[in-house]
Protein backbone atom coordinates (compact mmCIF):
# COMPACT_ATOMS: atom_id res chain seq x y z
CA UNK A 1 33.89 200.59 177.36
CA UNK A 2 35.45 203.95 176.87
CA UNK A 3 38.80 204.50 175.21
CA UNK A 4 40.63 204.28 178.50
CA UNK A 5 38.73 201.53 180.30
CA UNK A 6 39.55 197.85 180.41
CA UNK A 7 37.35 195.32 182.28
CA UNK A 8 38.85 194.47 185.63
CA UNK A 9 38.73 190.75 184.89
CA UNK A 10 41.16 190.89 181.99
CA UNK A 11 44.73 191.92 181.72
CA UNK A 12 44.93 195.21 179.80
CA UNK A 13 46.44 193.39 176.83
CA UNK A 14 45.49 191.28 173.91
CA UNK A 15 43.44 190.99 170.84
CA UNK A 16 40.11 190.55 172.61
CA UNK A 17 40.45 193.73 174.44
CA UNK A 18 41.42 195.48 171.17
CA UNK A 19 38.47 193.93 169.38
CA UNK A 20 36.07 195.08 172.15
CA UNK A 21 37.44 198.59 171.91
CA UNK A 22 37.07 198.63 168.12
CA UNK A 23 33.47 197.39 168.31
CA UNK A 24 32.59 200.06 170.87
CA UNK A 25 34.21 203.04 169.13
CA UNK A 26 34.07 202.15 165.43
CA UNK A 27 31.35 199.51 165.26
CA UNK A 28 33.49 197.00 163.25
CA UNK A 29 33.27 193.40 164.57
CA UNK A 30 36.56 191.59 164.75
CA UNK A 31 35.95 187.89 165.53
CA UNK A 32 38.81 185.57 166.47
CA UNK A 33 39.02 184.45 162.86
CA UNK A 34 40.26 187.89 161.87
CA UNK A 35 42.98 188.01 164.45
CA UNK A 36 45.75 186.99 162.11
CA UNK A 37 44.71 189.47 159.42
CA UNK A 38 44.56 192.37 161.98
CA UNK A 39 47.91 191.58 163.61
CA UNK A 40 49.41 191.39 160.19
CA UNK A 41 47.97 194.80 159.25
CA UNK A 42 49.36 196.21 162.55
CA UNK A 43 52.81 194.85 161.95
CA UNK A 44 54.05 197.99 160.06
CA UNK A 45 52.87 200.24 162.90
CA UNK A 46 54.46 197.89 165.50
CA UNK A 47 57.85 198.22 163.64
CA UNK A 48 57.47 202.00 163.21
CA UNK A 49 57.07 202.34 166.98
CA UNK A 50 60.06 200.16 167.73
CA UNK A 51 57.95 197.48 169.39
CA UNK A 52 58.57 193.82 169.39
CA UNK A 53 55.06 192.47 168.48
CA UNK A 54 51.34 193.08 168.68
CA UNK A 55 51.28 192.26 172.41
CA UNK A 56 53.68 195.15 173.00
CA UNK A 57 51.37 197.32 170.89
CA UNK A 58 48.26 196.37 172.84
CA UNK A 59 50.21 197.12 176.09
CA UNK A 60 50.93 200.53 174.73
CA UNK A 61 47.24 201.09 173.97
CA UNK A 62 45.68 199.85 177.15
CA UNK A 63 48.38 199.94 179.89
CA UNK A 64 50.47 202.96 178.86
CA UNK A 65 47.77 205.42 177.72
CA UNK A 66 48.65 205.36 174.06
CA UNK A 67 45.20 204.59 172.67
CA UNK A 68 44.03 208.07 171.90
CA UNK A 69 47.14 208.98 169.94
CA UNK A 70 46.83 205.65 167.93
CA UNK A 71 43.17 205.85 167.03
CA UNK A 72 43.80 207.29 163.55
CA UNK A 73 46.19 204.36 162.76
CA UNK A 74 43.71 201.90 164.25
CA UNK A 75 40.90 203.25 162.06
CA UNK A 76 43.03 202.67 159.01
CA UNK A 77 43.90 199.20 160.15
CA UNK A 78 40.41 197.85 160.90
CA UNK A 79 38.36 199.38 158.06
CA UNK A 80 38.02 198.02 154.54
CA UNK A 81 38.13 200.58 151.74
CA UNK A 82 36.97 198.54 148.72
CA UNK A 83 35.46 200.88 146.14
CA UNK A 84 34.75 201.06 142.40
CA UNK A 85 33.20 203.56 139.98
CA UNK A 86 29.58 202.60 139.25
CA UNK A 87 29.74 199.65 141.59
CA UNK A 88 26.44 197.70 141.48
CA UNK A 89 25.56 199.47 138.30
CA UNK A 90 21.85 198.70 138.76
CA UNK A 91 21.74 201.23 141.50
CA UNK A 92 23.08 203.93 139.31
CA UNK A 93 20.72 202.97 136.47
CA UNK A 94 17.78 203.34 138.94
CA UNK A 95 19.16 206.76 140.01
CA UNK A 96 19.53 207.90 136.44
CA UNK A 97 16.41 206.40 134.84
CA UNK A 98 13.85 206.40 137.60
CA UNK A 99 14.68 209.17 140.11
CA UNK A 100 16.28 211.61 137.61
CA UNK A 101 14.78 210.44 134.31
CA UNK A 102 11.46 209.72 135.83
CA UNK A 103 11.15 213.21 137.20
CA UNK A 104 11.12 212.34 140.89
CA UNK A 105 13.66 215.06 141.39
CA UNK A 106 11.08 217.67 140.58
CA UNK A 107 9.44 216.85 143.94
CA UNK A 108 12.28 218.60 145.56
CA UNK A 109 12.44 222.37 146.00
CA UNK A 110 15.95 223.78 146.10
CA UNK A 111 19.18 221.78 145.80
CA UNK A 112 19.05 218.05 145.21
CA UNK A 113 21.35 216.52 147.85
CA UNK A 114 23.05 213.13 147.97
CA UNK A 115 25.16 211.60 150.72
CA UNK A 116 27.66 208.77 150.26
CA UNK A 117 27.90 207.60 153.81
CA UNK A 118 30.91 205.28 153.37
CA UNK A 119 32.55 206.99 150.49
CA UNK A 120 36.10 205.47 150.78
CA UNK A 121 38.29 207.18 148.23
CA UNK A 122 35.38 208.88 146.41
CA UNK A 123 34.47 206.59 143.47
CA UNK A 124 30.88 206.30 144.62
CA UNK A 125 30.47 210.07 145.20
CA UNK A 126 31.94 210.97 141.82
CA UNK A 127 29.80 208.36 140.05
CA UNK A 128 26.74 210.04 141.44
CA UNK A 129 28.14 213.52 140.58
CA UNK A 130 28.64 212.53 136.97
CA UNK A 131 24.97 211.48 136.63
CA UNK A 132 23.85 214.66 138.32
CA UNK A 133 26.01 216.84 136.10
CA UNK A 134 24.71 215.06 132.98
CA UNK A 135 21.09 215.68 134.17
CA UNK A 136 21.86 219.38 134.75
CA UNK A 137 22.89 219.69 131.09
CA UNK A 138 19.41 218.77 130.00
CA UNK A 139 17.69 220.56 132.90
CA UNK A 140 19.69 223.71 133.81
CA UNK A 141 17.39 224.38 136.76
CA UNK A 142 18.60 221.18 138.42
CA UNK A 143 20.83 222.24 141.28
CA UNK A 144 22.71 219.47 143.13
CA UNK A 145 25.42 218.62 145.64
CA UNK A 146 27.13 215.53 146.98
CA UNK A 147 28.68 214.81 150.39
CA UNK A 148 30.99 211.92 150.94
CA UNK A 149 31.91 210.79 154.48
CA UNK A 150 34.27 208.14 155.84
CA UNK A 151 36.03 207.37 159.06
CA UNK A 152 39.40 207.08 157.25
CA UNK A 153 41.28 210.28 156.87
CA UNK A 154 43.68 208.75 154.32
CA UNK A 155 40.97 207.73 151.89
CA UNK A 156 39.27 211.10 152.25
CA UNK A 157 42.48 212.83 151.21
CA UNK A 158 42.52 210.55 148.13
CA UNK A 159 38.97 211.51 147.40
CA UNK A 160 39.75 215.21 147.62
CA UNK A 161 42.70 214.84 145.21
CA UNK A 162 40.39 212.94 142.85
CA UNK A 163 43.25 211.28 140.92
CA UNK A 164 42.63 207.69 139.91
CA UNK A 165 44.32 204.98 137.84
CA UNK A 166 42.80 204.49 134.42
CA UNK A 167 42.24 200.90 135.39
CA UNK A 168 39.94 201.90 138.27
CA UNK A 169 38.10 204.23 135.88
CA UNK A 170 37.21 201.53 133.36
CA UNK A 171 33.58 201.13 134.56
CA UNK A 172 32.97 204.83 133.80
CA UNK A 173 30.97 205.02 130.48
CA UNK A 174 33.18 206.53 127.70
CA UNK A 175 31.00 209.69 127.20
CA UNK A 176 31.35 210.37 130.92
CA UNK A 177 35.12 209.76 130.87
CA UNK A 178 35.45 212.20 127.99
CA UNK A 179 33.46 214.88 129.76
CA UNK A 180 34.48 214.52 133.39
CA UNK A 181 38.07 213.31 133.38
CA UNK A 182 41.37 214.92 132.56
CA UNK A 183 44.00 212.47 131.27
CA UNK A 184 47.32 212.65 133.01
CA UNK A 185 50.48 213.45 131.04
CA UNK A 186 54.17 212.57 131.51
CA UNK A 187 54.69 211.41 135.17
CA UNK A 188 50.91 211.22 135.53
CA UNK A 189 50.47 208.98 132.54
CA UNK A 190 48.05 206.15 133.33
CA UNK A 191 46.06 208.33 135.71
CA UNK A 192 43.17 210.78 135.32
CA UNK A 193 41.71 213.39 137.50
CA UNK A 194 38.08 214.39 138.02
CA UNK A 195 37.47 217.88 136.39
CA UNK A 196 37.35 220.91 138.61
CA UNK A 197 33.69 221.62 137.86
CA UNK A 198 32.78 218.25 139.32
CA UNK A 199 35.24 218.39 142.26
CA UNK A 200 33.77 221.70 143.33
CA UNK A 201 30.30 220.17 143.84
CA UNK A 202 31.48 217.23 145.86
CA UNK A 203 32.55 217.70 149.51
CA UNK A 204 34.23 215.22 151.81
CA UNK A 205 34.38 215.05 155.59
CA UNK A 206 35.33 212.65 158.30
CA UNK A 207 32.45 210.87 160.05
CA UNK A 208 32.13 207.89 162.36
CA UNK A 209 28.83 206.11 161.89
CA UNK A 210 28.96 205.08 165.56
CA UNK A 211 28.64 208.73 166.61
CA UNK A 212 25.40 209.65 168.38
CA UNK A 213 24.66 212.46 165.90
CA UNK A 214 25.88 213.21 162.43
CA UNK A 215 27.13 216.57 161.16
CA UNK A 216 25.14 216.12 157.95
CA UNK A 217 22.20 217.99 156.46
CA UNK A 218 18.70 216.70 157.00
CA UNK A 219 16.06 216.34 154.20
CA UNK A 220 18.52 214.64 151.82
CA UNK A 221 17.21 213.10 148.59
CA UNK A 222 19.69 210.22 148.18
CA UNK A 223 21.70 208.27 150.67
CA UNK A 224 24.08 205.51 149.62
CA UNK A 225 24.92 203.35 152.65
CA UNK A 226 26.40 200.42 150.85
CA UNK A 227 28.63 197.56 151.95
CA UNK A 228 29.37 198.95 155.38
CA UNK A 229 26.56 197.45 157.54
CA UNK A 230 28.01 193.99 156.89
CA UNK A 231 30.87 194.88 159.31
CA UNK A 232 28.46 195.70 162.22
CA UNK A 233 26.48 193.52 164.53
CA UNK A 234 22.69 193.49 164.22
CA UNK A 235 22.09 196.00 167.03
CA UNK A 236 24.55 198.45 165.55
CA UNK A 237 23.14 197.95 162.06
CA UNK A 238 19.73 198.97 163.20
CA UNK A 239 21.07 202.00 165.19
CA UNK A 240 23.03 203.29 162.17
CA UNK A 241 20.11 202.76 159.92
CA UNK A 242 17.77 204.73 162.21
CA UNK A 243 20.32 207.58 162.50
CA UNK A 244 21.00 207.67 158.74
CA UNK A 245 17.34 207.39 157.96
CA UNK A 246 16.58 210.66 159.91
CA UNK A 247 18.66 212.61 157.40
CA UNK A 248 16.53 211.41 154.47
CA UNK A 249 13.63 213.54 153.20
CA UNK A 250 10.20 211.99 152.89
CA UNK A 251 10.12 210.52 149.37
CA UNK A 252 13.93 210.21 149.29
CA UNK A 253 15.79 206.98 148.56
CA UNK A 254 18.15 204.83 150.65
CA UNK A 255 20.54 202.50 148.77
CA UNK A 256 22.30 199.63 150.67
CA UNK A 257 24.48 196.79 149.49
CA UNK A 258 22.72 193.82 147.91
CA UNK A 259 24.00 191.59 150.73
CA UNK A 260 22.48 194.10 153.25
CA UNK A 261 19.01 194.27 151.87
CA UNK A 262 17.40 192.14 154.55
CA UNK A 263 18.83 194.42 157.26
CA UNK A 264 16.54 197.34 156.46
CA UNK A 265 13.51 196.77 158.67
CA UNK A 266 12.15 200.22 159.33
CA UNK A 267 8.34 200.66 159.05
CA UNK A 268 8.56 203.95 157.13
CA UNK A 269 10.91 202.61 154.39
CA UNK A 270 9.39 200.75 151.50
CA UNK A 271 11.46 198.58 149.09
CA UNK A 272 11.12 199.82 145.48
CA UNK A 273 13.90 197.78 143.84
CA UNK A 274 16.66 195.29 145.03
CA UNK A 275 18.51 197.01 147.92
CA UNK A 276 16.68 200.36 147.24
CA UNK A 277 14.23 201.81 149.67
CA UNK A 278 12.00 204.87 149.53
CA UNK A 279 11.09 206.74 152.72
CA UNK A 280 7.30 207.16 152.97
CA UNK A 281 5.96 210.65 152.58
């Protein structure tokens, strides 16, 4: 279904039409059990538009041509932006101790590149960046860069600002906090900002994983695709994995969420640790 099509057998209204559109354009599955949650999330937008209820909103989308103009709001409504610094810390330990500390990075000529493919507000991207910056202190010839992508423009703006509450930053080891965070003062008390030297090496851009192609470099060394596949159906999971996998260099590593580990069933990817896969050379 395209953004303007509705099946002829159904009135152009209702949650099921909305859920079908979301699946086709964003990939997120919205079963009937999530109907109440989604309609509650839409309530603020319904009020802002002066509408009575979600049915009026669905009528606006599918009968009155309002879908395209509302897509940015819909993307914010149906996506989950849970993120933490150094979430699933064993992944970051593997990155630090095995890939960097074990010298696997030396197999890479040129810049060592990492992609956080569902970056949310940037905690994952900056967690990687801290490890890379630390490694570059010991190995000045280590050149690196990080790309973070997400479908939500709102969280990407948060990531670019790189200002976080100190509570969210608690998982960051103290030596890294001291080196890579500026403590806020006065009205910014209780918050910290990632230092400019780190921010300059981390780029963010909008990307829908349901797109046919991705505007992302190929031959990447690290891809974090964690805790996003769980929202897709099995066919879309495999389609996204195949597309993402094309951007990984031979010998590079793909990280997924622990609950997604069984989803990775590609012949040229070998599991090397829980939820970590290496692309065959």
